[in-house]
Protein backbone atom coordinates (compact mmCIF):
# COMPACT_ATOMS: atom_id res chain seq x y z
CA UNK A 1 63.68 12.69 38.08
CA UNK A 2 62.74 12.82 34.33
CA UNK A 3 65.28 13.90 31.85
CA UNK A 4 64.49 17.11 29.90
CA UNK A 5 62.18 16.26 27.26
CA UNK A 6 63.26 16.81 23.69
CA UNK A 7 60.95 18.16 21.05
CA UNK A 8 61.00 18.63 17.20
CA UNK A 9 59.28 21.59 15.55
CA UNK A 10 58.30 19.50 12.45
CA UNK A 11 56.85 16.55 14.41
CA UNK A 12 53.21 15.97 14.31
CA UNK A 13 53.13 14.28 17.72
CA UNK A 14 55.20 17.08 19.40
CA UNK A 15 52.76 19.61 17.89
CA UNK A 16 49.82 17.51 19.46
CA UNK A 17 51.57 17.50 22.89
CA UNK A 18 52.03 21.34 22.69
CA UNK A 19 48.39 21.74 21.56
CA UNK A 20 49.30 23.22 18.30
CA UNK A 21 47.26 20.45 16.60
CA UNK A 22 43.81 19.54 18.31
CA UNK A 23 43.40 15.90 19.52
CA UNK A 24 40.81 13.76 21.46
CA UNK A 25 42.97 13.68 24.60
CA UNK A 26 42.42 10.53 26.93
CA UNK A 27 45.04 10.61 29.56
CA UNK A 28 48.01 12.92 30.12
CA UNK A 29 50.80 12.66 32.62
CA UNK A 30 53.97 14.60 33.04
CA UNK A 31 55.69 12.09 30.68
CA UNK A 32 53.11 10.84 28.33
CA UNK A 33 50.06 12.05 26.22
CA UNK A 34 47.44 9.80 24.87
CA UNK A 35 44.54 10.32 22.41
CA UNK A 36 42.10 8.59 20.18
CA UNK A 37 43.63 7.78 16.67
CA UNK A 38 41.78 9.67 13.87
CA UNK A 39 42.47 6.95 11.37
CA UNK A 40 41.42 4.06 13.56
CA UNK A 41 41.74 0.37 12.79
CA UNK A 42 38.77 -0.12 15.07
CA UNK A 43 36.61 1.79 17.53
CA UNK A 44 38.57 2.93 20.42
CA UNK A 45 42.07 2.73 18.72
CA UNK A 46 44.29 4.99 20.78
CA UNK A 47 47.78 6.30 20.64
CA UNK A 48 50.25 6.99 23.65
CA UNK A 49 53.02 9.16 22.87
CA UNK A 50 56.02 9.97 25.24
CA UNK A 51 56.49 13.64 25.65
CA UNK A 52 60.21 13.31 24.80
CA UNK A 53 60.87 13.16 21.07
CA UNK A 54 62.72 10.10 20.18
CA UNK A 55 62.36 8.34 16.80
CA UNK A 56 62.97 4.75 18.16
CA UNK A 57 62.36 2.80 21.21
CA UNK A 58 66.02 2.32 22.03
CA UNK A 59 66.54 6.16 21.89
CA UNK A 60 63.92 6.98 24.52
CA UNK A 61 64.81 7.31 28.25
CA UNK A 62 63.51 4.55 30.40
CA UNK A 63 61.24 6.73 32.60
CA UNK A 64 59.06 7.55 29.49
CA UNK A 65 58.72 3.73 28.58
CA UNK A 66 57.79 3.03 32.40
CA UNK A 67 54.85 5.59 32.11
CA UNK A 68 53.34 4.49 28.85
CA UNK A 69 52.37 0.95 29.77
CA UNK A 70 50.24 1.76 32.65
CA UNK A 71 48.23 4.27 30.30
CA UNK A 72 47.78 1.68 27.78
CA UNK A 73 46.46 -0.74 30.41
CA UNK A 74 44.07 1.97 31.62
CA UNK A 75 42.97 2.61 28.19
CA UNK A 76 42.15 -0.98 27.61
CA UNK A 77 40.36 -1.31 30.95
CA UNK A 78 38.17 1.80 30.40
CA UNK A 79 36.91 0.22 27.21
CA UNK A 80 36.41 -3.17 28.83
CA UNK A 81 38.49 -4.66 26.07
CA UNK A 82 38.90 -8.52 25.99
CA UNK A 83 40.96 -8.65 22.99
CA UNK A 84 43.48 -5.99 21.78
CA UNK A 85 46.86 -5.39 20.51
CA UNK A 86 49.50 -3.15 21.95
CA UNK A 87 51.83 -2.26 19.04
CA UNK A 88 54.90 -0.25 18.71
CA UNK A 89 56.96 0.04 15.38
CA UNK A 90 60.66 1.05 14.95
CA UNK A 91 61.58 2.25 11.51
CA UNK A 92 59.98 2.60 8.03
CA UNK A 93 60.38 -1.04 7.05
CA UNK A 94 58.79 -2.00 10.38
CA UNK A 95 55.79 0.12 9.41
CA UNK A 96 56.60 3.26 11.63
CA UNK A 97 54.92 6.21 10.00
CA UNK A 98 55.65 8.91 12.41
CA UNK A 99 59.33 9.42 13.51
CA UNK A 100 58.20 9.86 17.35
CA UNK A 101 57.97 6.72 19.59
CA UNK A 102 54.35 5.78 20.01
CA UNK A 103 52.17 2.85 21.14
CA UNK A 104 48.90 1.84 19.80
CA UNK A 105 46.00 0.32 21.66
CA UNK A 106 44.02 -1.48 19.14
CA UNK A 107 40.76 -3.23 20.04
CA UNK A 108 39.98 -6.43 18.34
CA UNK A 109 36.29 -6.82 18.58
CA UNK A 110 35.94 -9.97 16.52
CA UNK A 111 38.12 -12.60 14.71
CA UNK A 112 37.38 -11.15 11.31
CA UNK A 113 39.92 -9.00 9.29
CA UNK A 114 37.34 -6.21 9.04
CA UNK A 115 38.32 -4.43 12.28
CA UNK A 116 41.43 -4.22 14.45
CA UNK A 117 45.06 -5.24 13.71
CA UNK A 118 45.53 -7.92 10.90
CA UNK A 119 48.89 -9.44 10.77
CA UNK A 120 50.63 -12.41 9.32
CA UNK A 121 53.13 -14.33 11.48
CA UNK A 122 55.69 -15.83 9.09
CA UNK A 123 57.45 -18.02 11.76
CA UNK A 124 60.84 -19.73 10.97
CA UNK A 125 62.41 -22.99 12.17
CA UNK A 126 66.06 -22.04 12.68
CA UNK A 127 68.59 -24.97 13.32
CA UNK A 128 69.12 -25.26 17.15
CA UNK A 129 72.81 -24.42 16.80
CA UNK A 130 72.16 -21.17 15.25
CA UNK A 131 69.70 -20.29 17.93
CA UNK A 132 72.11 -21.44 20.57
CA UNK A 133 74.77 -19.20 19.11
CA UNK A 134 72.42 -16.21 18.84
CA UNK A 135 71.35 -16.76 22.38
CA UNK A 136 74.92 -16.72 23.54
CA UNK A 137 75.84 -13.66 21.61
CA UNK A 138 72.66 -11.82 22.77
CA UNK A 139 73.31 -12.78 26.53
CA UNK A 140 76.92 -11.44 26.20
CA UNK A 141 75.75 -8.10 24.54
CA UNK A 142 73.07 -7.69 27.18
CA UNK A 143 75.54 -8.00 29.98
CA UNK A 144 77.52 -5.02 28.63
CA UNK A 145 74.60 -2.67 28.51
């Protein structure tokens, strides 16, 4: 059974879910709402928003998370996408613009930087002893959740 969905009166996504702001709705379930992005990075760029208002992923009940990814898969499949990104950001410095968890389905029609998500990947090469210590710490923390 789903938890009672939270809503925020000032949240643009909560207003879209309620129908107070129009959208190009794609798929709606009891737990999620999806629609075309009106400022797309490429044709077919869509958003999936949980109907529960949570600013960050770790604040969202699991049933909403479980509902979102099959919708992302459906949207990608319906468009026949071969190359695409599923993006979810948490916090301003991580590029989250709306404080309501949301997932982007962003088609990547070509290898150019003209359409779709364009990212850098500044990979690091940490010393193995640091990586081992981090691993042990995370495994310990995960076992307590």
